[in-house]
Amino acid sequence: EDAGAAAAGGASSAMWVSPVELVVIQQQRFGGSIAGTLLRLYHNFGLYGFGRGYMATGLRDSVYVIGMLSATPFLEKEVKQLGFGAAAGSVVGSLTAGVVAG
């Protein structure tokens, strides 16, 4: 349940992040202003062009959010149940989820 909500949150955030990152990358590659980059993308690819890369961004953000919002608390709880303290649980849970999520 937590992982599903976290994945949905990551995919939802990608709806905003993906077009913004597309514009940033295109501006870095070709220069120009933000408005000029937006117009060039629209003229070359149409409105659907702003959705380029959404699947990859959605997957990346979903994995990241699952790691940070779902896996970290789960791992913290498991480490605490093994008899380690709260600080150890937080450190192990955060580090493990961070490495797995990337």
PDB file of N, CA and C in Angstrom:
ATOM      1  N   GLU A   1       0.827  -1.196   0.000  1.00  0.00           N
ATOM      2  CA  GLU A   1       0.000   0.000   0.000  1.00  0.00           C
ATOM      3  C   GLU A   1       0.868   1.256   0.000  1.00  0.00           C
ATOM      4  N   ASP A   2       1.848   1.301   0.898  1.00  0.00           N
ATOM      5  CA  ASP A   2       2.731   2.468   0.941  1.00  0.00           C
ATOM      6  C   ASP A   2       3.548   2.593  -0.335  1.00  0.00           C
ATOM      7  N   ALA A   3       4.041   1.469  -0.826  1.00  0.00           N
ATOM      8  CA  ALA A   3       4.857   1.497  -2.042  1.00  0.00           C
ATOM      9  C   ALA A   3       4.029   1.942  -3.235  1.00  0.00           C
ATOM     10  N   GLY A   4       2.784   1.496  -3.318  1.00  0.00           N
ATOM     11  CA  GLY A   4       1.921   1.908  -4.425  1.00  0.00           C
ATOM     12  C   GLY A   4       1.642   3.400  -4.400  1.00  0.00           C
ATOM     13  N   ALA A   5       1.378   3.931  -3.217  1.00  0.00           N
ATOM     14  CA  ALA A   5       1.147   5.369  -3.092  1.00  0.00           C
ATOM     15  C   ALA A   5       2.414   6.156  -3.426  1.00  0.00           C
ATOM     16  N   ALA A   6       3.553   5.645  -2.990  1.00  0.00           N
ATOM     17  CA  ALA A   6       4.817   6.319  -3.289  1.00  0.00           C
ATOM     18  C   ALA A   6       5.100   6.293  -4.787  1.00  0.00           C
ATOM     19  N   ALA A   7       4.839   5.159  -5.440  1.00  0.00           N
ATOM     20  CA  ALA A   7       5.055   5.057  -6.888  1.00  0.00           C
ATOM     21  C   ALA A   7       4.135   6.013  -7.635  1.00  0.00           C
ATOM     22  N   ALA A   8       2.891   6.104  -7.201  1.00  0.00           N
ATOM     23  CA  ALA A   8       1.953   7.031  -7.838  1.00  0.00           C
ATOM     24  C   ALA A   8       2.411   8.474  -7.644  1.00  0.00           C
ATOM     25  N   GLY A   9       2.940   8.764  -6.473  1.00  0.00           N
ATOM     26  CA  GLY A   9       3.466  10.103  -6.231  1.00  0.00           C
ATOM     27  C   GLY A   9       4.637  10.432  -7.138  1.00  0.00           C
ATOM     28  N   GLY A  10       5.528   9.477  -7.329  1.00  0.00           N
ATOM     29  CA  GLY A  10       6.661   9.690  -8.225  1.00  0.00           C
ATOM     30  C   GLY A  10       6.219   9.879  -9.663  1.00  0.00           C
ATOM     31  N   ALA A  11       5.274   9.064 -10.108  1.00  0.00           N
ATOM     32  CA  ALA A  11       4.770   9.188 -11.480  1.00  0.00           C
ATOM     33  C   ALA A  11       4.030  10.506 -11.666  1.00  0.00           C
ATOM     34  N   SER A  12       3.320  10.935 -10.633  1.00  0.00           N
ATOM     35  CA  SER A  12       2.601  12.213 -10.712  1.00  0.00           C
ATOM     36  C   SER A  12       3.570  13.384 -10.793  1.00  0.00           C
ATOM     37  N   SER A  13       4.621  13.337 -10.004  1.00  0.00           N
ATOM     38  CA  SER A  13       5.583  14.441 -10.038  1.00  0.00           C
ATOM     39  C   SER A  13       6.284  14.511 -11.388  1.00  0.00           C
ATOM     40  N   ALA A  14       6.428  13.380 -12.053  1.00  0.00           N
ATOM     41  CA  ALA A  14       7.080  13.358 -13.360  1.00  0.00           C
ATOM     42  C   ALA A  14       6.279  14.093 -14.415  1.00  0.00           C
ATOM     43  N   MET A  15       4.990  14.259 -14.190  1.00  0.00           N
ATOM     44  CA  MET A  15       4.172  15.001 -15.157  1.00  0.00           C
ATOM     45  C   MET A  15       4.631  16.457 -15.252  1.00  0.00           C
ATOM     46  N   TRP A  16       5.158  16.997 -14.177  1.00  0.00           N
ATOM     47  CA  TRP A  16       5.703  18.354 -14.183  1.00  0.00           C
ATOM     48  C   TRP A  16       7.198  18.338 -14.492  1.00  0.00           C
ATOM     49  N   VAL A  17       7.915  17.426 -13.875  1.00  0.00           N
ATOM     50  CA  VAL A  17       9.374  17.416 -13.964  1.00  0.00           C
ATOM     51  C   VAL A  17       9.864  17.072 -15.370  1.00  0.00           C
ATOM     52  N   SER A  18       9.217  16.139 -16.035  1.00  0.00           N
ATOM     53  CA  SER A  18       9.689  15.687 -17.339  1.00  0.00           C
ATOM     54  C   SER A  18       9.738  16.808 -18.374  1.00  0.00           C
ATOM     55  N   PRO A  19       8.664  17.575 -18.578  1.00  0.00           N
ATOM     56  CA  PRO A  19       8.764  18.674 -19.549  1.00  0.00           C
ATOM     57  C   PRO A  19       9.757  19.753 -19.135  1.00  0.00           C
ATOM     58  N   VAL A  20       9.866  20.014 -17.837  1.00  0.00           N
ATOM     59  CA  VAL A  20      10.818  21.021 -17.370  1.00  0.00           C
ATOM     60  C   VAL A  20      12.242  20.565 -17.666  1.00  0.00           C
ATOM     61  N   GLU A  21      12.552  19.305 -17.373  1.00  0.00           N
ATOM     62  CA  GLU A  21      13.893  18.794 -17.653  1.00  0.00           C
ATOM     63  C   GLU A  21      14.171  18.766 -19.152  1.00  0.00           C
ATOM     64  N   LEU A  22      13.160  18.461 -19.953  1.00  0.00           N
ATOM     65  CA  LEU A  22      13.327  18.480 -21.402  1.00  0.00           C
ATOM     66  C   LEU A  22      13.740  19.867 -21.875  1.00  0.00           C
ATOM     67  N   VAL A  23      13.055  20.885 -21.385  1.00  0.00           N
ATOM     68  CA  VAL A  23      13.373  22.260 -21.780  1.00  0.00           C
ATOM     69  C   VAL A  23      14.769  22.639 -21.311  1.00  0.00           C
ATOM     70  N   VAL A  24      15.124  22.274 -20.087  1.00  0.00           N
ATOM     71  CA  VAL A  24      16.454  22.598 -19.564  1.00  0.00           C
ATOM     72  C   VAL A  24      17.539  21.946 -20.423  1.00  0.00           C
ATOM     73  N   ILE A  25      17.365  20.671 -20.740  1.00  0.00           N
ATOM     74  CA  ILE A  25      18.371  19.957 -21.534  1.00  0.00           C
ATOM     75  C   ILE A  25      18.474  20.547 -22.942  1.00  0.00           C
ATOM     76  N   GLN A  26      17.340  20.845 -23.556  1.00  0.00           N
ATOM     77  CA  GLN A  26      17.363  21.418 -24.905  1.00  0.00           C
ATOM     78  C   GLN A  26      17.996  22.808 -24.897  1.00  0.00           C
ATOM     79  N   GLN A  27      17.742  23.562 -23.851  1.00  0.00           N
ATOM     80  CA  GLN A  27      18.349  24.889 -23.749  1.00  0.00           C
ATOM     81  C   GLN A  27      19.856  24.774 -23.569  1.00  0.00           C
ATOM     82  N   GLN A  28      20.318  23.788 -22.811  1.00  0.00           N
ATOM     83  CA  GLN A  28      21.748  23.582 -22.637  1.00  0.00           C
ATOM     84  C   GLN A  28      22.401  23.144 -23.943  1.00  0.00           C
ATOM     85  N   ARG A  29      21.699  22.308 -24.697  1.00  0.00           N
ATOM     86  CA  ARG A  29      22.274  21.803 -25.950  1.00  0.00           C
ATOM     87  C   ARG A  29      22.339  22.870 -27.033  1.00  0.00           C
ATOM     88  N   PHE A  30      21.271  23.660 -27.174  1.00  0.00           N
ATOM     89  CA  PHE A  30      21.159  24.554 -28.318  1.00  0.00           C
ATOM     90  C   PHE A  30      21.218  26.032 -27.956  1.00  0.00           C
ATOM     91  N   GLY A  31      21.223  26.356 -26.663  1.00  0.00           N
ATOM     92  CA  GLY A  31      21.265  27.751 -26.244  1.00  0.00           C
ATOM     93  C   GLY A  31      19.927  28.436 -26.454  1.00  0.00           C
ATOM     94  N   GLY A  32      19.918  29.734 -26.255  1.00  0.00           N
ATOM     95  CA  GLY A  32      18.709  30.513 -26.440  1.00  0.00           C
ATOM     96  C   GLY A  32      17.963  30.719 -25.141  1.00  0.00           C
ATOM     97  N   SER A  33      16.862  31.419 -25.262  1.00  0.00           N
ATOM     98  CA  SER A  33      16.049  31.725 -24.093  1.00  0.00           C
ATOM     99  C   SER A  33      15.076  30.583 -23.799  1.00  0.00           C
ATOM    100  N   ILE A  34      14.438  30.676 -22.646  1.00  0.00           N
ATOM    101  CA  ILE A  34      13.436  29.665 -22.296  1.00  0.00           C
ATOM    102  C   ILE A  34      12.274  29.743 -23.278  1.00  0.00           C
ATOM    103  N   ALA A  35      11.823  30.967 -23.560  1.00  0.00           N
ATOM    104  CA  ALA A  35      10.695  31.130 -24.491  1.00  0.00           C
ATOM    105  C   ALA A  35      11.061  30.603 -25.881  1.00  0.00           C
ATOM    106  N   GLY A  36      12.275  30.892 -26.318  1.00  0.00           N
ATOM    107  CA  GLY A  36      12.711  30.409 -27.632  1.00  0.00           C
ATOM    108  C   GLY A  36      12.793  28.889 -27.681  1.00  0.00           C
ATOM    109  N   THR A  37      13.258  28.296 -26.603  1.00  0.00           N
ATOM    110  CA  THR A  37      13.346  26.841 -26.530  1.00  0.00           C
ATOM    111  C   THR A  37      11.957  26.218 -26.542  1.00  0.00           C
ATOM    112  N   LEU A  38      11.027  26.813 -25.778  1.00  0.00           N
ATOM    113  CA  LEU A  38       9.651  26.306 -25.770  1.00  0.00           C
ATOM    114  C   LEU A  38       9.035  26.377 -27.166  1.00  0.00           C
ATOM    115  N   LEU A  39       9.221  27.497 -27.843  1.00  0.00           N
ATOM    116  CA  LEU A  39       8.662  27.646 -29.193  1.00  0.00           C
ATOM    117  C   LEU A  39       9.295  26.668 -30.173  1.00  0.00           C
ATOM    118  N   ARG A  40      10.607  26.507 -30.104  1.00  0.00           N
ATOM    119  CA  ARG A  40      11.289  25.575 -31.014  1.00  0.00           C
ATOM    120  C   ARG A  40      10.792  24.147 -30.801  1.00  0.00           C
ATOM    121  N   LEU A  41      10.658  23.736 -29.530  1.00  0.00           N
ATOM    122  CA  LEU A  41      10.147  22.393 -29.254  1.00  0.00           C
ATOM    123  C   LEU A  41       8.720  22.231 -29.776  1.00  0.00           C
ATOM    124  N   TYR A  42       7.896  23.244 -29.561  1.00  0.00           N
ATOM    125  CA  TYR A  42       6.505  23.164 -30.009  1.00  0.00           C
ATOM    126  C   TYR A  42       6.420  23.106 -31.534  1.00  0.00           C
ATOM    127  N   HIS A  43       7.212  23.925 -32.220  1.00  0.00           N
ATOM    128  CA  HIS A  43       7.177  23.931 -33.688  1.00  0.00           C
ATOM    129  C   HIS A  43       7.734  22.640 -34.280  1.00  0.00           C
ATOM    130  N   ASN A  44       8.740  22.062 -33.645  1.00  0.00           N
ATOM    131  CA  ASN A  44       9.352  20.841 -34.176  1.00  0.00           C
ATOM    132  C   ASN A  44       8.568  19.576 -33.840  1.00  0.00           C
ATOM    133  N   PHE A  45       7.957  19.527 -32.658  1.00  0.00           N
ATOM    134  CA  PHE A  45       7.351  18.275 -32.197  1.00  0.00           C
ATOM    135  C   PHE A  45       5.887  18.394 -31.806  1.00  0.00           C
ATOM    136  N   GLY A  46       5.356  19.601 -31.764  1.00  0.00           N
ATOM    137  CA  GLY A  46       3.979  19.779 -31.350  1.00  0.00           C
ATOM    138  C   GLY A  46       3.842  19.662 -29.834  1.00  0.00           C
ATOM    139  N   LEU A  47       2.609  19.716 -29.388  1.00  0.00           N
ATOM    140  CA  LEU A  47       2.341  19.669 -27.953  1.00  0.00           C
ATOM    141  C   LEU A  47       2.780  18.340 -27.337  1.00  0.00           C
ATOM    142  N   TYR A  48       2.663  17.259 -28.100  1.00  0.00           N
ATOM    143  CA  TYR A  48       3.061  15.948 -27.587  1.00  0.00           C
ATOM    144  C   TYR A  48       4.571  15.831 -27.390  1.00  0.00           C
ATOM    145  N   GLY A  49       5.328  16.693 -28.015  1.00  0.00           N
ATOM    146  CA  GLY A  49       6.772  16.676 -27.846  1.00  0.00           C
ATOM    147  C   GLY A  49       7.204  16.959 -26.418  1.00  0.00           C
ATOM    148  N   PHE A  50       6.371  17.677 -25.666  1.00  0.00           N
ATOM    149  CA  PHE A  50       6.714  17.976 -24.279  1.00  0.00           C
ATOM    150  C   PHE A  50       6.568  16.747 -23.384  1.00  0.00           C
ATOM    151  N   GLY A  51       5.956  15.700 -23.907  1.00  0.00           N
ATOM    152  CA  GLY A  51       5.830  14.452 -23.161  1.00  0.00           C
ATOM    153  C   GLY A  51       6.982  13.493 -23.401  1.00  0.00           C
ATOM    154  N   ARG A  52       7.927  13.908 -24.250  1.00  0.00           N
ATOM    155  CA  ARG A  52       9.079  13.044 -24.529  1.00  0.00           C
ATOM    156  C   ARG A  52       9.848  12.788 -23.237  1.00  0.00           C
ATOM    157  N   GLY A  53      10.146  11.543 -22.986  1.00  0.00           N
ATOM    158  CA  GLY A  53      10.919  11.180 -21.808  1.00  0.00           C
ATOM    159  C   GLY A  53      10.087  10.981 -20.554  1.00  0.00           C
ATOM    160  N   TYR A  54       8.750  11.107 -20.672  1.00  0.00           N
ATOM    161  CA  TYR A  54       7.924  10.979 -19.472  1.00  0.00           C
ATOM    162  C   TYR A  54       8.053   9.595 -18.845  1.00  0.00           C
ATOM    163  N   MET A  55       8.043   8.542 -19.651  1.00  0.00           N
ATOM    164  CA  MET A  55       8.093   7.187 -19.089  1.00  0.00           C
ATOM    165  C   MET A  55       9.382   6.966 -18.300  1.00  0.00           C
ATOM    166  N   ALA A  56      10.495   7.399 -18.849  1.00  0.00           N
ATOM    167  CA  ALA A  56      11.772   7.232 -18.142  1.00  0.00           C
ATOM    168  C   ALA A  56      11.804   8.073 -16.864  1.00  0.00           C
ATOM    169  N   THR A  57      11.315   9.301 -16.944  1.00  0.00           N
ATOM    170  CA  THR A  57      11.293  10.167 -15.771  1.00  0.00           C
ATOM    171  C   THR A  57      10.330   9.631 -14.726  1.00  0.00           C
ATOM    172  N   GLY A  58       9.167   9.150 -15.160  1.00  0.00           N
ATOM    173  CA  GLY A  58       8.192   8.591 -14.234  1.00  0.00           C
ATOM    174  C   GLY A  58       8.734   7.370 -13.508  1.00  0.00           C
ATOM    175  N   LEU A  59       9.425   6.506 -14.241  1.00  0.00           N
ATOM    176  CA  LEU A  59      10.021   5.324 -13.623  1.00  0.00           C
ATOM    177  C   LEU A  59      11.113   5.720 -12.637  1.00  0.00           C
ATOM    178  N   ARG A  60      11.969   6.638 -13.053  1.00  0.00           N
ATOM    179  CA  ARG A  60      13.048   7.088 -12.165  1.00  0.00           C
ATOM    180  C   ARG A  60      12.492   7.710 -10.890  1.00  0.00           C
ATOM    181  N   ASP A  61      11.526   8.598 -11.040  1.00  0.00           N
ATOM    182  CA  ASP A  61      10.969   9.274  -9.870  1.00  0.00           C
ATOM    183  C   ASP A  61      10.175   8.313  -8.988  1.00  0.00           C
ATOM    184  N   SER A  62       9.496   7.346  -9.593  1.00  0.00           N
ATOM    185  CA  SER A  62       8.749   6.366  -8.799  1.00  0.00           C
ATOM    186  C   SER A  62       9.685   5.532  -7.942  1.00  0.00           C
ATOM    187  N   VAL A  63      10.772   5.066  -8.525  1.00  0.00           N
ATOM    188  CA  VAL A  63      11.747   4.264  -7.766  1.00  0.00           C
ATOM    189  C   VAL A  63      12.343   5.097  -6.640  1.00  0.00           C
ATOM    190  N   TYR A  64      12.668   6.336  -6.930  1.00  0.00           N
ATOM    191  CA  TYR A  64      13.261   7.209  -5.913  1.00  0.00           C
ATOM    192  C   TYR A  64      12.287   7.449  -4.761  1.00  0.00           C
ATOM    193  N   VAL A  65      11.037   7.761  -5.078  1.00  0.00           N
ATOM    194  CA  VAL A  65      10.066   8.070  -4.034  1.00  0.00           C
ATOM    195  C   VAL A  65       9.724   6.815  -3.230  1.00  0.00           C
ATOM    196  N   ILE A  66       9.658   5.667  -3.885  1.00  0.00           N
ATOM    197  CA  ILE A  66       9.449   4.416  -3.135  1.00  0.00           C
ATOM    198  C   ILE A  66      10.584   4.223  -2.135  1.00  0.00           C
ATOM    199  N   GLY A  67      11.801   4.448  -2.582  1.00  0.00           N
ATOM    200  CA  GLY A  67      12.951   4.281  -1.694  1.00  0.00           C
ATOM    201  C   GLY A  67      12.929   5.229  -0.517  1.00  0.00           C
ATOM    202  N   MET A  68      12.538   6.455  -0.752  1.00  0.00           N
ATOM    203  CA  MET A  68      12.591   7.450   0.313  1.00  0.00           C
ATOM    204  C   MET A  68      11.357   7.429   1.222  1.00  0.00           C
ATOM    205  N   LEU A  69      10.176   7.188   0.665  1.00  0.00           N
ATOM    206  CA  LEU A  69       8.964   7.290   1.475  1.00  0.00           C
ATOM    207  C   LEU A  69       8.396   5.952   1.929  1.00  0.00           C
ATOM    208  N   SER A  70       8.805   4.878   1.303  1.00  0.00           N
ATOM    209  CA  SER A  70       8.239   3.580   1.662  1.00  0.00           C
ATOM    210  C   SER A  70       9.301   2.638   2.217  1.00  0.00           C
ATOM    211  N   ALA A  71      10.391   2.490   1.501  1.00  0.00           N
ATOM    212  CA  ALA A  71      11.409   1.521   1.914  1.00  0.00           C
ATOM    213  C   ALA A  71      12.165   1.977   3.164  1.00  0.00           C
ATOM    214  N   THR A  72      12.449   3.263   3.270  1.00  0.00           N
ATOM    215  CA  THR A  72      13.208   3.746   4.426  1.00  0.00           C
ATOM    216  C   THR A  72      12.496   3.465   5.745  1.00  0.00           C
ATOM    217  N   PRO A  73      11.228   3.854   5.895  1.00  0.00           N
ATOM    218  CA  PRO A  73      10.549   3.546   7.164  1.00  0.00           C
ATOM    219  C   PRO A  73      10.419   2.044   7.419  1.00  0.00           C
ATOM    220  N   PHE A  74      10.193   1.276   6.355  1.00  0.00           N
ATOM    221  CA  PHE A  74      10.092  -0.171   6.510  1.00  0.00           C
ATOM    222  C   PHE A  74      11.395  -0.754   7.030  1.00  0.00           C
ATOM    223  N   LEU A  75      12.508  -0.370   6.429  1.00  0.00           N
ATOM    224  CA  LEU A  75      13.812  -0.883   6.852  1.00  0.00           C
ATOM    225  C   LEU A  75      14.181  -0.402   8.253  1.00  0.00           C
ATOM    226  N   GLU A  76      13.834   0.837   8.576  1.00  0.00           N
ATOM    227  CA  GLU A  76      14.090   1.335   9.931  1.00  0.00           C
ATOM    228  C   GLU A  76      13.374   0.467  10.963  1.00  0.00           C
ATOM    229  N   LYS A  77      12.115   0.151  10.687  1.00  0.00           N
ATOM    230  CA  LYS A  77      11.325  -0.656  11.620  1.00  0.00           C
ATOM    231  C   LYS A  77      11.918  -2.054  11.760  1.00  0.00           C
ATOM    232  N   GLU A  78      12.334  -2.653  10.655  1.00  0.00           N
ATOM    233  CA  GLU A  78      12.906  -3.999  10.691  1.00  0.00           C
ATOM    234  C   GLU A  78      14.209  -4.039  11.489  1.00  0.00           C
ATOM    235  N   VAL A  79      15.063  -3.036  11.312  1.00  0.00           N
ATOM    236  CA  VAL A  79      16.335  -2.996  12.034  1.00  0.00           C
ATOM    237  C   VAL A  79      16.078  -2.801  13.529  1.00  0.00           C
ATOM    238  N   LYS A  80      15.118  -1.963  13.868  1.00  0.00           N
ATOM    239  CA  LYS A  80      14.777  -1.753  15.286  1.00  0.00           C
ATOM    240  C   LYS A  80      14.252  -3.042  15.916  1.00  0.00           C
ATOM    241  N   GLN A  81      13.485  -3.826  15.156  1.00  0.00           N
ATOM    242  CA  GLN A  81      12.944  -5.082  15.674  1.00  0.00           C
ATOM    243  C   GLN A  81      14.032  -6.126  15.893  1.00  0.00           C
ATOM    244  N   LEU A  82      15.163  -5.960  15.215  1.00  0.00           N
ATOM    245  CA  LEU A  82      16.284  -6.877  15.423  1.00  0.00           C
ATOM    246  C   LEU A  82      17.042  -6.568  16.718  1.00  0.00           C
ATOM    247  N   GLY A  83      16.640  -5.493  17.382  1.00  0.00           N
ATOM    248  CA  GLY A  83      17.254  -5.173  18.659  1.00  0.00           C
ATOM    249  C   GLY A  83      18.231  -4.019  18.622  1.00  0.00           C
ATOM    250  N   PHE A  84      18.399  -3.409  17.485  1.00  0.00           N
ATOM    251  CA  PHE A  84      19.289  -2.254  17.397  1.00  0.00           C
ATOM    252  C   PHE A  84      18.523  -1.008  17.804  1.00  0.00           C
ATOM    253  N   GLY A  85      19.199   0.045  18.135  1.00  0.00           N
ATOM    254  CA  GLY A  85      18.558   1.276  18.582  1.00  0.00           C
ATOM    255  C   GLY A  85      17.901   2.042  17.436  1.00  0.00           C
ATOM    256  N   ALA A  86      17.211   3.099  17.830  1.00  0.00           N
ATOM    257  CA  ALA A  86      16.506   3.929  16.852  1.00  0.00           C
ATOM    258  C   ALA A  86      17.478   4.597  15.882  1.00  0.00           C
ATOM    259  N   ALA A  87      18.609   5.056  16.392  1.00  0.00           N
ATOM    260  CA  ALA A  87      19.591   5.719  15.524  1.00  0.00           C
ATOM    261  C   ALA A  87      20.152   4.736  14.501  1.00  0.00           C
ATOM    262  N   ALA A  88      20.475   3.531  14.933  1.00  0.00           N
ATOM    263  CA  ALA A  88      21.000   2.517  14.013  1.00  0.00           C
ATOM    264  C   ALA A  88      19.958   2.171  12.956  1.00  0.00           C
ATOM    265  N   GLY A  89      18.696   2.066  13.384  1.00  0.00           N
ATOM    266  CA  GLY A  89      17.631   1.776  12.431  1.00  0.00           C
ATOM    267  C   GLY A  89      17.495   2.855  11.386  1.00  0.00           C
ATOM    268  N   SER A  90      17.596   4.110  11.800  1.00  0.00           N
ATOM    269  CA  SER A  90      17.499   5.227  10.863  1.00  0.00           C
ATOM    270  C   SER A  90      18.663   5.239   9.882  1.00  0.00           C
ATOM    271  N   VAL A  91      19.865   5.022  10.402  1.00  0.00           N
ATOM    272  CA  VAL A  91      21.052   5.037   9.540  1.00  0.00           C
ATOM    273  C   VAL A  91      21.000   3.897   8.528  1.00  0.00           C
ATOM    274  N   VAL A  92      20.760   2.686   9.011  1.00  0.00           N
ATOM    275  CA  VAL A  92      20.739   1.522   8.112  1.00  0.00           C
ATOM    276  C   VAL A  92      19.599   1.641   7.105  1.00  0.00           C
ATOM    277  N   GLY A  93      18.416   2.028   7.572  1.00  0.00           N
ATOM    278  CA  GLY A  93      17.277   2.161   6.673  1.00  0.00           C
ATOM    279  C   GLY A  93      17.494   3.214   5.609  1.00  0.00           C
ATOM    280  N   SER A  94      18.003   4.360   6.007  1.00  0.00           N
ATOM    281  CA  SER A  94      18.240   5.447   5.059  1.00  0.00           C
ATOM    282  C   SER A  94      19.330   5.097   4.058  1.00  0.00           C
ATOM    283  N   LEU A  95      20.429   4.545   4.539  1.00  0.00           N
ATOM    284  CA  LEU A  95      21.534   4.198   3.628  1.00  0.00           C
ATOM    285  C   LEU A  95      21.128   3.099   2.653  1.00  0.00           C
ATOM    286  N   THR A  96      20.460   2.083   3.136  1.00  0.00           N
ATOM    287  CA  THR A  96      20.049   0.981   2.266  1.00  0.00           C
ATOM    288  C   THR A  96      19.065   1.461   1.215  1.00  0.00           C
ATOM    289  N   ALA A  97      18.054   2.182   1.624  1.00  0.00           N
ATOM    290  CA  ALA A  97      17.068   2.672   0.666  1.00  0.00           C
ATOM    291  C   ALA A  97      17.707   3.652  -0.314  1.00  0.00           C
ATOM    292  N   GLY A  98      18.613   4.491   0.152  1.00  0.00           N
ATOM    293  CA  GLY A  98      19.293   5.438  -0.735  1.00  0.00           C
ATOM    294  C   GLY A  98      20.133   4.745  -1.779  1.00  0.00           C
ATOM    295  N   VAL A  99      20.847   3.704  -1.397  1.00  0.00           N
ATOM    296  CA  VAL A  99      21.683   2.969  -2.360  1.00  0.00           C
ATOM    297  C   VAL A  99      20.808   2.248  -3.377  1.00  0.00           C
ATOM    298  N   VAL A 100      19.741   1.630  -2.915  1.00  0.00           N
ATOM    299  CA  VAL A 100      18.861   0.894  -3.826  1.00  0.00           C
ATOM    300  C   VAL A 100      18.133   1.853  -4.764  1.00  0.00           C
ATOM    301  N   ALA A 101      17.637   2.978  -4.242  1.00  0.00           N
ATOM    302  CA  ALA A 101      16.892   3.928  -5.068  1.00  0.00           C
ATOM    303  C   ALA A 101      17.808   4.711  -5.999  1.00  0.00           C
ATOM    304  N   GLY A 102      19.065   4.804  -5.644  1.00  0.00           N
ATOM    305  CA  GLY A 102      20.016   5.490  -6.513  1.00  0.00           C
ATOM    306  C   GLY A 102      20.133   6.910  -6.139  1.00  0.00           C
TER     307      GLY A 102
END
